[in-house]
Amino acid sequence: MFKKSDYFILLAVVISFFTSAYLWFVIGDREQSIFTAIWVPSIFCFGIYFKLSAILNKKL
């Protein structure tokens, strides 16, 4: 069900989330943390887009 590329996308999301939490709680840099937190939904959206385009290209 999951391909290798799906795991890379999930890994990128997890790394981005933990980096954002580290910046917020440990470093205390709120602006960088919010900027990094915005990456999480963006990475998910790119992953969904590429997954759907791959599925649609298989059916054509």
N, C-alpha and C. Protein backbone atom coordinates (compact mmCIF):
# COMPACT_ATOMS: atom_id res chain seq x y z
N MET A 1 0.81 -1.19 0.00
CA MET A 1 0.00 0.00 0.00
C MET A 1 0.87 1.27 0.00
N PHE A 2 1.84 1.33 0.90
CA PHE A 2 2.73 2.48 0.92
C PHE A 2 3.96 2.20 0.08
N LYS A 3 4.35 3.20 -0.68
CA LYS A 3 5.58 3.11 -1.47
C LYS A 3 6.71 3.80 -0.73
N LYS A 4 7.91 3.64 -1.25
CA LYS A 4 9.06 4.26 -0.63
C LYS A 4 8.92 5.79 -0.61
N SER A 5 8.36 6.35 -1.66
CA SER A 5 8.19 7.81 -1.72
C SER A 5 7.23 8.31 -0.65
N ASP A 6 6.22 7.50 -0.30
CA ASP A 6 5.30 7.89 0.76
C ASP A 6 6.01 8.00 2.11
N TYR A 7 6.92 7.08 2.34
CA TYR A 7 7.67 7.12 3.59
C TYR A 7 8.60 8.33 3.65
N PHE A 8 9.16 8.72 2.51
CA PHE A 8 10.01 9.90 2.48
C PHE A 8 9.21 11.17 2.77
N ILE A 9 8.00 11.24 2.25
CA ILE A 9 7.14 12.40 2.52
C ILE A 9 6.78 12.44 4.00
N LEU A 10 6.40 11.31 4.56
CA LEU A 10 6.08 11.28 5.98
C LEU A 10 7.29 11.60 6.84
N LEU A 11 8.46 11.15 6.44
CA LEU A 11 9.68 11.47 7.16
C LEU A 11 9.96 12.97 7.12
N ALA A 12 9.76 13.59 5.97
CA ALA A 12 9.96 15.03 5.85
C ALA A 12 8.99 15.80 6.74
N VAL A 13 7.75 15.32 6.84
CA VAL A 13 6.76 15.97 7.69
C VAL A 13 7.16 15.84 9.16
N VAL A 14 7.58 14.66 9.57
CA VAL A 14 7.97 14.44 10.96
C VAL A 14 9.19 15.28 11.32
N ILE A 15 10.17 15.34 10.43
CA ILE A 15 11.35 16.15 10.69
C ILE A 15 10.98 17.62 10.80
N SER A 16 10.11 18.09 9.93
CA SER A 16 9.68 19.48 9.98
C SER A 16 8.92 19.78 11.27
N PHE A 17 8.07 18.86 11.69
CA PHE A 17 7.30 19.06 12.92
C PHE A 17 8.21 19.12 14.14
N PHE A 18 9.14 18.18 14.24
CA PHE A 18 10.03 18.17 15.40
C PHE A 18 11.01 19.34 15.39
N THR A 19 11.42 19.76 14.21
CA THR A 19 12.27 20.95 14.12
C THR A 19 11.52 22.18 14.60
N SER A 20 10.25 22.28 14.22
CA SER A 20 9.44 23.40 14.67
C SER A 20 9.23 23.37 16.19
N ALA A 21 8.97 22.20 16.74
CA ALA A 21 8.80 22.09 18.18
C ALA A 21 10.10 22.42 18.92
N TYR A 22 11.22 21.98 18.38
CA TYR A 22 12.53 22.28 18.97
C TYR A 22 12.78 23.79 18.97
N LEU A 23 12.49 24.42 17.85
CA LEU A 23 12.69 25.87 17.78
C LEU A 23 11.78 26.61 18.75
N TRP A 24 10.57 26.13 18.93
CA TRP A 24 9.59 26.81 19.80
C TRP A 24 9.93 26.63 21.28
N PHE A 25 10.16 25.38 21.68
CA PHE A 25 10.31 25.09 23.11
C PHE A 25 11.75 25.20 23.61
N VAL A 26 12.71 24.79 22.84
CA VAL A 26 14.10 24.76 23.32
C VAL A 26 14.82 26.06 23.01
N ILE A 27 14.78 26.47 21.76
CA ILE A 27 15.51 27.67 21.35
C ILE A 27 14.73 28.93 21.72
N GLY A 28 13.42 28.87 21.63
CA GLY A 28 12.59 30.03 21.95
C GLY A 28 12.43 31.00 20.79
N ASP A 29 12.78 30.57 19.59
CA ASP A 29 12.65 31.42 18.41
C ASP A 29 11.27 31.19 17.80
N ARG A 30 10.32 32.02 18.17
CA ARG A 30 8.93 31.83 17.77
C ARG A 30 8.72 32.01 16.27
N GLU A 31 9.36 33.01 15.69
CA GLU A 31 9.13 33.29 14.27
C GLU A 31 9.64 32.16 13.38
N GLN A 32 10.83 31.67 13.66
CA GLN A 32 11.37 30.55 12.88
C GLN A 32 10.54 29.29 13.08
N SER A 33 10.03 29.12 14.29
CA SER A 33 9.20 27.95 14.57
C SER A 33 7.90 27.98 13.76
N ILE A 34 7.27 29.12 13.71
CA ILE A 34 6.02 29.24 12.94
C ILE A 34 6.30 29.05 11.45
N PHE A 35 7.41 29.62 10.97
CA PHE A 35 7.78 29.45 9.58
C PHE A 35 8.00 27.98 9.24
N THR A 36 8.67 27.27 10.13
CA THR A 36 8.93 25.84 9.91
C THR A 36 7.65 25.03 10.04
N ALA A 37 6.75 25.43 10.91
CA ALA A 37 5.48 24.71 11.09
C ALA A 37 4.60 24.83 9.84
N ILE A 38 4.74 25.89 9.10
CA ILE A 38 3.96 26.05 7.88
C ILE A 38 4.36 25.01 6.83
N TRP A 39 5.57 24.48 6.92
CA TRP A 39 6.03 23.47 5.97
C TRP A 39 5.22 22.18 6.05
N VAL A 40 4.71 21.84 7.24
CA VAL A 40 4.03 20.55 7.43
C VAL A 40 2.85 20.38 6.48
N PRO A 41 1.87 21.29 6.45
CA PRO A 41 0.77 21.09 5.49
C PRO A 41 1.21 21.23 4.04
N SER A 42 2.24 22.05 3.80
CA SER A 42 2.73 22.20 2.43
C SER A 42 3.33 20.90 1.92
N ILE A 43 4.11 20.23 2.75
CA ILE A 43 4.70 18.95 2.35
C ILE A 43 3.61 17.92 2.12
N PHE A 44 2.60 17.89 3.00
CA PHE A 44 1.48 16.97 2.81
C PHE A 44 0.76 17.25 1.49
N CYS A 45 0.54 18.51 1.18
CA CYS A 45 -0.15 18.86 -0.07
C CYS A 45 0.65 18.43 -1.29
N PHE A 46 1.96 18.66 -1.28
CA PHE A 46 2.79 18.20 -2.39
C PHE A 46 2.76 16.68 -2.50
N GLY A 47 2.78 16.00 -1.38
CA GLY A 47 2.71 14.54 -1.39
C GLY A 47 1.40 14.03 -1.96
N ILE A 48 0.31 14.64 -1.56
CA ILE A 48 -1.01 14.25 -2.08
C ILE A 48 -1.10 14.52 -3.57
N TYR A 49 -0.58 15.68 -3.99
CA TYR A 49 -0.60 16.02 -5.41
C TYR A 49 0.17 15.00 -6.25
N PHE A 50 1.38 14.67 -5.82
CA PHE A 50 2.18 13.71 -6.58
C PHE A 50 1.57 12.32 -6.55
N LYS A 51 0.97 11.94 -5.43
CA LYS A 51 0.33 10.63 -5.33
C LYS A 51 -0.88 10.55 -6.28
N LEU A 52 -1.70 11.60 -6.29
CA LEU A 52 -2.86 11.61 -7.17
C LEU A 52 -2.46 11.65 -8.64
N SER A 53 -1.43 12.43 -8.96
CA SER A 53 -1.00 12.48 -10.36
C SER A 53 -0.44 11.13 -10.80
N ALA A 54 0.23 10.41 -9.92
CA ALA A 54 0.74 9.08 -10.27
C ALA A 54 -0.42 8.10 -10.48
N ILE A 55 -1.45 8.19 -9.64
CA ILE A 55 -2.61 7.31 -9.78
C ILE A 55 -3.34 7.60 -11.08
N LEU A 56 -3.52 8.87 -11.40
CA LEU A 56 -4.24 9.23 -12.62
C LEU A 56 -3.45 8.87 -13.87
N ASN A 57 -2.15 8.95 -13.83
CA ASN A 57 -1.33 8.57 -14.98
C ASN A 57 -1.35 7.06 -15.22
N LYS A 58 -1.52 6.28 -14.16
CA LYS A 58 -1.62 4.82 -14.33
C LYS A 58 -2.90 4.45 -15.05
N LYS A 59 -3.99 5.15 -14.75
CA LYS A 59 -5.30 4.80 -15.33
C LYS A 59 -5.42 5.22 -16.79
N LEU A 60 -4.63 6.19 -17.22
CA LEU A 60 -4.76 6.67 -18.60
C LEU A 60 -4.04 5.83 -19.55
